[in-house]
Amino acid sequence: MADEEMIPINVWLAGRSYRIRIAPHEEEAVRKSIKQADAKITELRTAYAGKDDQDFIAMCLLSYAADGAVSTFNHPLLQQEVTDMVSKIDEVLGSDT
């Protein structure tokens, strides 16, 4: 990405403007992600009144991190690899007994 020209864009998250630099081909995905994160923060504000924006941003980040971890573990190819490894371990352990 260092060789690729970066463009500056302004995005709004939790009522604040942030200027970030991204690759031009990433702009649509980044803007969509920011919009989804802002919607999640709005949802959290409704559910947990009395917190400040930093709390909501942290909660949003934790939510996305947890979702990403769960989806990684639920990935079909990864599940197949784990199943294969368990079978191999069972074979090795079963051959000694």
PDB file of N, CA and C in Angstrom:
ATOM      1  N   MET A   1       0.816  -1.181   0.000  1.00  0.00           N
ATOM      2  CA  MET A   1       0.000   0.000   0.000  1.00  0.00           C
ATOM      3  C   MET A   1       0.866   1.254   0.000  1.00  0.00           C
ATOM      4  N   ALA A   2       2.136   1.148   0.363  1.00  0.00           N
ATOM      5  CA  ALA A   2       3.016   2.299   0.414  1.00  0.00           C
ATOM      6  C   ALA A   2       3.232   2.886  -0.976  1.00  0.00           C
ATOM      7  N   ASP A   3       3.249   2.037  -2.004  1.00  0.00           N
ATOM      8  CA  ASP A   3       3.441   2.519  -3.362  1.00  0.00           C
ATOM      9  C   ASP A   3       2.170   3.132  -3.937  1.00  0.00           C
ATOM     10  N   GLU A   4       1.047   2.778  -3.376  1.00  0.00           N
ATOM     11  CA  GLU A   4      -0.232   3.244  -3.880  1.00  0.00           C
ATOM     12  C   GLU A   4      -0.521   4.652  -3.353  1.00  0.00           C
ATOM     13  N   GLU A   5      -1.079   5.489  -4.205  1.00  0.00           N
ATOM     14  CA  GLU A   5      -1.419   6.845  -3.799  1.00  0.00           C
ATOM     15  C   GLU A   5      -2.599   6.820  -2.840  1.00  0.00           C
ATOM     16  N   MET A   6      -2.450   7.518  -1.738  1.00  0.00           N
ATOM     17  CA  MET A   6      -3.501   7.587  -0.729  1.00  0.00           C
ATOM     18  C   MET A   6      -4.272   8.890  -0.907  1.00  0.00           C
ATOM     19  N   ILE A   7      -5.567   8.831  -0.619  1.00  0.00           N
ATOM     20  CA  ILE A   7      -6.388  10.033  -0.707  1.00  0.00           C
ATOM     21  C   ILE A   7      -6.959  10.345   0.677  1.00  0.00           C
ATOM     22  N   PRO A   8      -7.062  11.630   1.007  1.00  0.00           N
ATOM     23  CA  PRO A   8      -7.668  11.984   2.291  1.00  0.00           C
ATOM     24  C   PRO A   8      -9.189  12.065   2.145  1.00  0.00           C
ATOM     25  N   ILE A   9      -9.898  11.537   3.133  1.00  0.00           N
ATOM     26  CA  ILE A   9     -11.354  11.692   3.164  1.00  0.00           C
ATOM     27  C   ILE A   9     -11.755  12.086   4.583  1.00  0.00           C
ATOM     28  N   ASN A  10     -12.880  12.770   4.684  1.00  0.00           N
ATOM     29  CA  ASN A  10     -13.449  13.106   5.983  1.00  0.00           C
ATOM     30  C   ASN A  10     -14.616  12.174   6.246  1.00  0.00           C
ATOM     31  N   VAL A  11     -14.636  11.601   7.437  1.00  0.00           N
ATOM     32  CA  VAL A  11     -15.744  10.731   7.830  1.00  0.00           C
ATOM     33  C   VAL A  11     -16.279  11.216   9.175  1.00  0.00           C
ATOM     34  N   TRP A  12     -17.548  10.946   9.412  1.00  0.00           N
ATOM     35  CA  TRP A  12     -18.191  11.308  10.677  1.00  0.00           C
ATOM     36  C   TRP A  12     -18.494  10.040  11.451  1.00  0.00           C
ATOM     37  N   LEU A  13     -18.096  10.031  12.717  1.00  0.00           N
ATOM     38  CA  LEU A  13     -18.371   8.900  13.593  1.00  0.00           C
ATOM     39  C   LEU A  13     -18.699   9.454  14.975  1.00  0.00           C
ATOM     40  N   ALA A  14     -19.841   9.083  15.492  1.00  0.00           N
ATOM     41  CA  ALA A  14     -20.287   9.523  16.822  1.00  0.00           C
ATOM     42  C   ALA A  14     -20.299  11.047  16.925  1.00  0.00           C
ATOM     43  N   GLY A  15     -20.718  11.695  15.851  1.00  0.00           N
ATOM     44  CA  GLY A  15     -20.850  13.147  15.863  1.00  0.00           C
ATOM     45  C   GLY A  15     -19.552  13.917  15.717  1.00  0.00           C
ATOM     46  N   ARG A  16     -18.459  13.231  15.424  1.00  0.00           N
ATOM     47  CA  ARG A  16     -17.169  13.901  15.244  1.00  0.00           C
ATOM     48  C   ARG A  16     -16.621  13.612  13.865  1.00  0.00           C
ATOM     49  N   SER A  17     -15.916  14.590  13.334  1.00  0.00           N
ATOM     50  CA  SER A  17     -15.307  14.449  12.021  1.00  0.00           C
ATOM     51  C   SER A  17     -13.880  13.929  12.182  1.00  0.00           C
ATOM     52  N   TYR A  18     -13.538  12.958  11.348  1.00  0.00           N
ATOM     53  CA  TYR A  18     -12.186  12.399  11.332  1.00  0.00           C
ATOM     54  C   TYR A  18     -11.666  12.437   9.904  1.00  0.00           C
ATOM     55  N   ARG A  19     -10.443  12.882   9.743  1.00  0.00           N
ATOM     56  CA  ARG A  19      -9.806  12.892   8.425  1.00  0.00           C
ATOM     57  C   ARG A  19      -8.857  11.699   8.383  1.00  0.00           C
ATOM     58  N   ILE A  20      -9.087  10.822   7.416  1.00  0.00           N
ATOM     59  CA  ILE A  20      -8.243   9.638   7.276  1.00  0.00           C
ATOM     60  C   ILE A  20      -7.723   9.549   5.851  1.00  0.00           C
ATOM     61  N   ARG A  21      -6.653   8.798   5.675  1.00  0.00           N
ATOM     62  CA  ARG A  21      -6.083   8.591   4.340  1.00  0.00           C
ATOM     63  C   ARG A  21      -6.263   7.124   3.976  1.00  0.00           C
ATOM     64  N   ILE A  22      -6.790   6.910   2.782  1.00  0.00           N
ATOM     65  CA  ILE A  22      -7.065   5.549   2.320  1.00  0.00           C
ATOM     66  C   ILE A  22      -6.696   5.418   0.853  1.00  0.00           C
ATOM     67  N   ALA A  23      -6.607   4.192   0.389  1.00  0.00           N
ATOM     68  CA  ALA A  23      -6.411   3.934  -1.040  1.00  0.00           C
ATOM     69  C   ALA A  23      -7.733   4.231  -1.747  1.00  0.00           C
ATOM     70  N   PRO A  24      -7.676   4.803  -2.937  1.00  0.00           N
ATOM     71  CA  PRO A  24      -8.910   5.166  -3.643  1.00  0.00           C
ATOM     72  C   PRO A  24      -9.887   4.008  -3.818  1.00  0.00           C
ATOM     73  N   HIS A  25      -9.382   2.804  -4.068  1.00  0.00           N
ATOM     74  CA  HIS A  25     -10.286   1.674  -4.288  1.00  0.00           C
ATOM     75  C   HIS A  25     -10.977   1.208  -3.000  1.00  0.00           C
ATOM     76  N   GLU A  26     -10.521   1.693  -1.844  1.00  0.00           N
ATOM     77  CA  GLU A  26     -11.120   1.313  -0.564  1.00  0.00           C
ATOM     78  C   GLU A  26     -12.214   2.271  -0.101  1.00  0.00           C
ATOM     79  N   GLU A  27     -12.383   3.388  -0.804  1.00  0.00           N
ATOM     80  CA  GLU A  27     -13.263   4.443  -0.298  1.00  0.00           C
ATOM     81  C   GLU A  27     -14.693   3.970  -0.048  1.00  0.00           C
ATOM     82  N   GLU A  28     -15.282   3.283  -0.986  1.00  0.00           N
ATOM     83  CA  GLU A  28     -16.673   2.848  -0.832  1.00  0.00           C
ATOM     84  C   GLU A  28     -16.829   1.923   0.381  1.00  0.00           C
ATOM     85  N   ALA A  29     -15.927   0.968   0.519  1.00  0.00           N
ATOM     86  CA  ALA A  29     -15.999   0.024   1.639  1.00  0.00           C
ATOM     87  C   ALA A  29     -15.777   0.733   2.978  1.00  0.00           C
ATOM     88  N   VAL A  30     -14.845   1.672   3.010  1.00  0.00           N
ATOM     89  CA  VAL A  30     -14.566   2.403   4.249  1.00  0.00           C
ATOM     90  C   VAL A  30     -15.773   3.241   4.646  1.00  0.00           C
ATOM     91  N   ARG A  31     -16.347   3.956   3.687  1.00  0.00           N
ATOM     92  CA  ARG A  31     -17.520   4.788   3.998  1.00  0.00           C
ATOM     93  C   ARG A  31     -18.695   3.928   4.470  1.00  0.00           C
ATOM     94  N   LYS A  32     -18.881   2.776   3.859  1.00  0.00           N
ATOM     95  CA  LYS A  32     -19.960   1.874   4.271  1.00  0.00           C
ATOM     96  C   LYS A  32     -19.704   1.365   5.693  1.00  0.00           C
ATOM     97  N   SER A  33     -18.468   1.006   5.991  1.00  0.00           N
ATOM     98  CA  SER A  33     -18.118   0.523   7.329  1.00  0.00           C
ATOM     99  C   SER A  33     -18.336   1.601   8.386  1.00  0.00           C
ATOM    100  N   ILE A  34     -17.942   2.824   8.070  1.00  0.00           N
ATOM    101  CA  ILE A  34     -18.129   3.935   9.003  1.00  0.00           C
ATOM    102  C   ILE A  34     -19.614   4.175   9.244  1.00  0.00           C
ATOM    103  N   LYS A  35     -20.409   4.103   8.179  1.00  0.00           N
ATOM    104  CA  LYS A  35     -21.858   4.297   8.308  1.00  0.00           C
ATOM    105  C   LYS A  35     -22.460   3.214   9.206  1.00  0.00           C
ATOM    106  N   GLN A  36     -22.028   1.961   9.033  1.00  0.00           N
ATOM    107  CA  GLN A  36     -22.514   0.861   9.872  1.00  0.00           C
ATOM    108  C   GLN A  36     -22.087   1.056  11.328  1.00  0.00           C
ATOM    109  N   ALA A  37     -20.852   1.484  11.542  1.00  0.00           N
ATOM    110  CA  ALA A  37     -20.360   1.713  12.901  1.00  0.00           C
ATOM    111  C   ALA A  37     -21.138   2.845  13.565  1.00  0.00           C
ATOM    112  N   ASP A  38     -21.414   3.908  12.815  1.00  0.00           N
ATOM    113  CA  ASP A  38     -22.174   5.027  13.365  1.00  0.00           C
ATOM    114  C   ASP A  38     -23.589   4.586  13.741  1.00  0.00           C
ATOM    115  N   ALA A  39     -24.195   3.737  12.917  1.00  0.00           N
ATOM    116  CA  ALA A  39     -25.529   3.202  13.229  1.00  0.00           C
ATOM    117  C   ALA A  39     -25.470   2.336  14.490  1.00  0.00           C
ATOM    118  N   LYS A  40     -24.410   1.551  14.644  1.00  0.00           N
ATOM    119  CA  LYS A  40     -24.245   0.711  15.836  1.00  0.00           C
ATOM    120  C   LYS A  40     -24.092   1.580  17.078  1.00  0.00           C
ATOM    121  N   ILE A  41     -23.352   2.674  16.961  1.00  0.00           N
ATOM    122  CA  ILE A  41     -23.174   3.592  18.086  1.00  0.00           C
ATOM    123  C   ILE A  41     -24.509   4.214  18.469  1.00  0.00           C
ATOM    124  N   THR A  42     -25.306   4.599  17.483  1.00  0.00           N
ATOM    125  CA  THR A  42     -26.639   5.145  17.748  1.00  0.00           C
ATOM    126  C   THR A  42     -27.499   4.115  18.476  1.00  0.00           C
ATOM    127  N   GLU A  43     -27.424   2.870  18.044  1.00  0.00           N
ATOM    128  CA  GLU A  43     -28.159   1.774  18.692  1.00  0.00           C
ATOM    129  C   GLU A  43     -27.709   1.603  20.146  1.00  0.00           C
ATOM    130  N   LEU A  44     -26.405   1.678  20.380  1.00  0.00           N
ATOM    131  CA  LEU A  44     -25.876   1.536  21.735  1.00  0.00           C
ATOM    132  C   LEU A  44     -26.283   2.705  22.621  1.00  0.00           C
ATOM    133  N   ARG A  45     -26.319   3.915  22.063  1.00  0.00           N
ATOM    134  CA  ARG A  45     -26.765   5.092  22.818  1.00  0.00           C
ATOM    135  C   ARG A  45     -28.182   4.885  23.344  1.00  0.00           C
ATOM    136  N   THR A  46     -29.021   4.301  22.506  1.00  0.00           N
ATOM    137  CA  THR A  46     -30.412   4.059  22.886  1.00  0.00           C
ATOM    138  C   THR A  46     -30.498   3.006  23.992  1.00  0.00           C
ATOM    139  N   ALA A  47     -29.695   1.977  23.882  1.00  0.00           N
ATOM    140  CA  ALA A  47     -29.749   0.875  24.844  1.00  0.00           C
ATOM    141  C   ALA A  47     -29.062   1.200  26.175  1.00  0.00           C
ATOM    142  N   TYR A  48     -28.035   2.024  26.149  1.00  0.00           N
ATOM    143  CA  TYR A  48     -27.246   2.306  27.349  1.00  0.00           C
ATOM    144  C   TYR A  48     -27.118   3.808  27.567  1.00  0.00           C
ATOM    145  N   ALA A  49     -28.172   4.428  28.023  1.00  0.00           N
ATOM    146  CA  ALA A  49     -28.159   5.875  28.267  1.00  0.00           C
ATOM    147  C   ALA A  49     -27.193   6.201  29.403  1.00  0.00           C
ATOM    148  N   GLY A  50     -26.649   7.412  29.367  1.00  0.00           N
ATOM    149  CA  GLY A  50     -25.792   7.865  30.449  1.00  0.00           C
ATOM    150  C   GLY A  50     -24.311   7.631  30.237  1.00  0.00           C
ATOM    151  N   LYS A  51     -23.936   7.016  29.153  1.00  0.00           N
ATOM    152  CA  LYS A  51     -22.517   6.794  28.856  1.00  0.00           C
ATOM    153  C   LYS A  51     -22.040   7.906  27.914  1.00  0.00           C
ATOM    154  N   ASP A  52     -20.727   8.059  27.782  1.00  0.00           N
ATOM    155  CA  ASP A  52     -20.227   9.068  26.847  1.00  0.00           C
ATOM    156  C   ASP A  52     -19.834   8.420  25.518  1.00  0.00           C
ATOM    157  N   ASP A  53     -19.531   9.265  24.537  1.00  0.00           N
ATOM    158  CA  ASP A  53     -19.244   8.764  23.188  1.00  0.00           C
ATOM    159  C   ASP A  53     -18.058   7.807  23.153  1.00  0.00           C
ATOM    160  N   GLN A  54     -17.059   8.052  23.983  1.00  0.00           N
ATOM    161  CA  GLN A  54     -15.902   7.157  24.004  1.00  0.00           C
ATOM    162  C   GLN A  54     -16.327   5.747  24.425  1.00  0.00           C
ATOM    163  N   ASP A  55     -17.236   5.659  25.381  1.00  0.00           N
ATOM    164  CA  ASP A  55     -17.755   4.345  25.792  1.00  0.00           C
ATOM    165  C   ASP A  55     -18.453   3.653  24.629  1.00  0.00           C
ATOM    166  N   PHE A  56     -19.266   4.408  23.899  1.00  0.00           N
ATOM    167  CA  PHE A  56     -20.003   3.820  22.782  1.00  0.00           C
ATOM    168  C   PHE A  56     -19.070   3.372  21.659  1.00  0.00           C
ATOM    169  N   ILE A  57     -18.041   4.176  21.388  1.00  0.00           N
ATOM    170  CA  ILE A  57     -17.072   3.798  20.356  1.00  0.00           C
ATOM    171  C   ILE A  57     -16.341   2.522  20.779  1.00  0.00           C
ATOM    172  N   ALA A  58     -15.951   2.439  22.050  1.00  0.00           N
ATOM    173  CA  ALA A  58     -15.274   1.234  22.548  1.00  0.00           C
ATOM    174  C   ALA A  58     -16.202   0.024  22.478  1.00  0.00           C
ATOM    175  N   MET A  59     -17.466   0.201  22.858  1.00  0.00           N
ATOM    176  CA  MET A  59     -18.428  -0.901  22.803  1.00  0.00           C
ATOM    177  C   MET A  59     -18.631  -1.366  21.365  1.00  0.00           C
ATOM    178  N   CYS A  60     -18.682  -0.418  20.441  1.00  0.00           N
ATOM    179  CA  CYS A  60     -18.836  -0.743  19.022  1.00  0.00           C
ATOM    180  C   CYS A  60     -17.624  -1.535  18.533  1.00  0.00           C
ATOM    181  N   LEU A  61     -16.438  -1.084  18.887  1.00  0.00           N
ATOM    182  CA  LEU A  61     -15.210  -1.777  18.502  1.00  0.00           C
ATOM    183  C   LEU A  61     -15.188  -3.200  19.048  1.00  0.00           C
ATOM    184  N   LEU A  62     -15.546  -3.357  20.314  1.00  0.00           N
ATOM    185  CA  LEU A  62     -15.577  -4.694  20.916  1.00  0.00           C
ATOM    186  C   LEU A  62     -16.598  -5.588  20.233  1.00  0.00           C
ATOM    187  N   SER A  63     -17.729  -5.017  19.867  1.00  0.00           N
ATOM    188  CA  SER A  63     -18.770  -5.781  19.178  1.00  0.00           C
ATOM    189  C   SER A  63     -18.268  -6.292  17.833  1.00  0.00           C
ATOM    190  N   TYR A  64     -17.617  -5.405  17.062  1.00  0.00           N
ATOM    191  CA  TYR A  64     -17.094  -5.816  15.758  1.00  0.00           C
ATOM    192  C   TYR A  64     -15.957  -6.824  15.898  1.00  0.00           C
ATOM    193  N   ALA A  65     -15.109  -6.636  16.904  1.00  0.00           N
ATOM    194  CA  ALA A  65     -14.007  -7.581  17.118  1.00  0.00           C
ATOM    195  C   ALA A  65     -14.549  -8.963  17.475  1.00  0.00           C
ATOM    196  N   ALA A  66     -15.554  -9.000  18.334  1.00  0.00           N
ATOM    197  CA  ALA A  66     -16.155 -10.281  18.718  1.00  0.00           C
ATOM    198  C   ALA A  66     -16.841 -10.931  17.525  1.00  0.00           C
ATOM    199  N   ASP A  67     -17.570 -10.138  16.742  1.00  0.00           N
ATOM    200  CA  ASP A  67     -18.230 -10.678  15.549  1.00  0.00           C
ATOM    201  C   ASP A  67     -17.211 -11.267  14.581  1.00  0.00           C
ATOM    202  N   GLY A  68     -16.090 -10.570  14.417  1.00  0.00           N
ATOM    203  CA  GLY A  68     -15.044 -11.060  13.517  1.00  0.00           C
ATOM    204  C   GLY A  68     -14.429 -12.354  14.010  1.00  0.00           C
ATOM    205  N   ALA A  69     -14.217 -12.444  15.316  1.00  0.00           N
ATOM    206  CA  ALA A  69     -13.646 -13.666  15.885  1.00  0.00           C
ATOM    207  C   ALA A  69     -14.603 -14.836  15.713  1.00  0.00           C
ATOM    208  N   VAL A  70     -15.879 -14.601  15.955  1.00  0.00           N
ATOM    209  CA  VAL A  70     -16.874 -15.665  15.819  1.00  0.00           C
ATOM    210  C   VAL A  70     -16.991 -16.106  14.368  1.00  0.00           C
ATOM    211  N   SER A  71     -17.019 -15.151  13.439  1.00  0.00           N
ATOM    212  CA  SER A  71     -17.157 -15.527  12.028  1.00  0.00           C
ATOM    213  C   SER A  71     -15.927 -16.279  11.530  1.00  0.00           C
ATOM    214  N   THR A  72     -14.754 -15.973  12.086  1.00  0.00           N
ATOM    215  CA  THR A  72     -13.545 -16.710  11.718  1.00  0.00           C
ATOM    216  C   THR A  72     -13.665 -18.165  12.148  1.00  0.00           C
ATOM    217  N   PHE A  73     -14.143 -18.389  13.356  1.00  0.00           N
ATOM    218  CA  PHE A  73     -14.295 -19.757  13.855  1.00  0.00           C
ATOM    219  C   PHE A  73     -15.407 -20.505  13.142  1.00  0.00           C
ATOM    220  N   ASN A  74     -16.371 -19.787  12.602  1.00  0.00           N
ATOM    221  CA  ASN A  74     -17.486 -20.424  11.905  1.00  0.00           C
ATOM    222  C   ASN A  74     -17.232 -20.590  10.408  1.00  0.00           C
ATOM    223  N   HIS A  75     -16.048 -20.224   9.951  1.00  0.00           N
ATOM    224  CA  HIS A  75     -15.727 -20.320   8.532  1.00  0.00           C
ATOM    225  C   HIS A  75     -15.652 -21.792   8.128  1.00  0.00           C
ATOM    226  N   PRO A  76     -16.362 -22.197   7.061  1.00  0.00           N
ATOM    227  CA  PRO A  76     -16.411 -23.613   6.671  1.00  0.00           C
ATOM    228  C   PRO A  76     -15.044 -24.241   6.404  1.00  0.00           C
ATOM    229  N   LEU A  77     -14.149 -23.510   5.751  1.00  0.00           N
ATOM    230  CA  LEU A  77     -12.825 -24.078   5.466  1.00  0.00           C
ATOM    231  C   LEU A  77     -12.036 -24.309   6.745  1.00  0.00           C
ATOM    232  N   LEU A  78     -12.136 -23.372   7.669  1.00  0.00           N
ATOM    233  CA  LEU A  78     -11.445 -23.529   8.943  1.00  0.00           C
ATOM    234  C   LEU A  78     -12.032 -24.702   9.718  1.00  0.00           C
ATOM    235  N   GLN A  79     -13.345 -24.830   9.707  1.00  0.00           N
ATOM    236  CA  GLN A  79     -13.980 -25.948  10.401  1.00  0.00           C
ATOM    237  C   GLN A  79     -13.527 -27.280   9.812  1.00  0.00           C
ATOM    238  N   GLN A  80     -13.402 -27.342   8.501  1.00  0.00           N
ATOM    239  CA  GLN A  80     -12.954 -28.580   7.858  1.00  0.00           C
ATOM    240  C   GLN A  80     -11.521 -28.903   8.260  1.00  0.00           C
ATOM    241  N   GLU A  81     -10.661 -27.866   8.304  1.00  0.00           N
ATOM    242  CA  GLU A  81      -9.274 -28.084   8.719  1.00  0.00           C
ATOM    243  C   GLU A  81      -9.209 -28.604  10.151  1.00  0.00           C
ATOM    244  N   VAL A  82     -10.014 -28.012  11.021  1.00  0.00           N
ATOM    245  CA  VAL A  82     -10.036 -28.451  12.418  1.00  0.00           C
ATOM    246  C   VAL A  82     -10.533 -29.890  12.512  1.00  0.00           C
ATOM    247  N   THR A  83     -11.586 -30.212  11.768  1.00  0.00           N
ATOM    248  CA  THR A  83     -12.116 -31.575  11.762  1.00  0.00           C
ATOM    249  C   THR A  83     -11.061 -32.569  11.289  1.00  0.00           C
ATOM    250  N   ASP A  84     -10.342 -32.215  10.227  1.00  0.00           N
ATOM    251  CA  ASP A  84      -9.276 -33.083   9.717  1.00  0.00           C
ATOM    252  C   ASP A  84      -8.170 -33.278  10.754  1.00  0.00           C
ATOM    253  N   MET A  85      -7.789 -32.191  11.422  1.00  0.00           N
ATOM    254  CA  MET A  85      -6.738 -32.280  12.429  1.00  0.00           C
ATOM    255  C   MET A  85      -7.180 -33.152  13.603  1.00  0.00           C
ATOM    256  N   VAL A  86      -8.417 -32.994  14.026  1.00  0.00           N
ATOM    257  CA  VAL A  86      -8.932 -33.814  15.126  1.00  0.00           C
ATOM    258  C   VAL A  86      -8.928 -35.284  14.728  1.00  0.00           C
ATOM    259  N   SER A  87      -9.305 -35.575  13.492  1.00  0.00           N
ATOM    260  CA  SER A  87      -9.289 -36.963  13.009  1.00  0.00           C
ATOM    261  C   SER A  87      -7.880 -37.535  13.032  1.00  0.00           C
ATOM    262  N   LYS A  88      -6.905 -36.742  12.590  1.00  0.00           N
ATOM    263  CA  LYS A  88      -5.514 -37.201  12.593  1.00  0.00           C
ATOM    264  C   LYS A  88      -5.014 -37.435  14.019  1.00  0.00           C
ATOM    265  N   ILE A  89      -5.377 -36.536  14.919  1.00  0.00           N
ATOM    266  CA  ILE A  89      -4.979 -36.699  16.322  1.00  0.00           C
ATOM    267  C   ILE A  89      -5.605 -37.963  16.896  1.00  0.00           C
ATOM    268  N   ASP A  90      -6.881 -38.171  16.591  1.00  0.00           N
ATOM    269  CA  ASP A  90      -7.562 -39.388  17.054  1.00  0.00           C
ATOM    270  C   ASP A  90      -6.881 -40.640  16.523  1.00  0.00           C
ATOM    271  N   GLU A  91      -6.452 -40.609  15.252  1.00  0.00           N
ATOM    272  CA  GLU A  91      -5.765 -41.759  14.657  1.00  0.00           C
ATOM    273  C   GLU A  91      -4.463 -42.045  15.391  1.00  0.00           C
ATOM    274  N   VAL A  92      -3.691 -40.979  15.645  1.00  0.00           N
ATOM    275  CA  VAL A  92      -2.407 -41.146  16.327  1.00  0.00           C
ATOM    276  C   VAL A  92      -2.620 -41.654  17.750  1.00  0.00           C
ATOM    277  N   LEU A  93      -3.541 -41.064  18.452  1.00  0.00           N
ATOM    278  CA  LEU A  93      -3.805 -41.494  19.827  1.00  0.00           C
ATOM    279  C   LEU A  93      -4.404 -42.892  19.869  1.00  0.00           C
ATOM    280  N   GLY A  94      -5.223 -43.206  18.891  1.00  0.00           N
ATOM    281  CA  GLY A  94      -5.854 -44.520  18.838  1.00  0.00           C
ATOM    282  C   GLY A  94      -4.879 -45.620  18.494  1.00  0.00           C
ATOM    283  N   SER A  95      -3.818 -45.306  17.762  1.00  0.00           N
ATOM    284  CA  SER A  95      -2.860 -46.333  17.349  1.00  0.00           C
ATOM    285  C   SER A  95      -1.950 -46.763  18.492  1.00  0.00           C
ATOM    286  N   ASP A  96      -1.794 -45.927  19.522  1.00  0.00           N
ATOM    287  CA  ASP A  96      -0.944 -46.261  20.666  1.00  0.00           C
ATOM    288  C   ASP A  96      -1.670 -47.126  21.691  1.00  0.00           C
ATOM    289  N   THR A  97      -2.966 -47.136  21.658  1.00  0.00           N
ATOM    290  CA  THR A  97      -3.701 -47.874  22.691  1.00  0.00           C
ATOM    291  C   THR A  97      -4.175 -49.206  22.207  1.00  0.00           C
TER     292      THR A  97
END
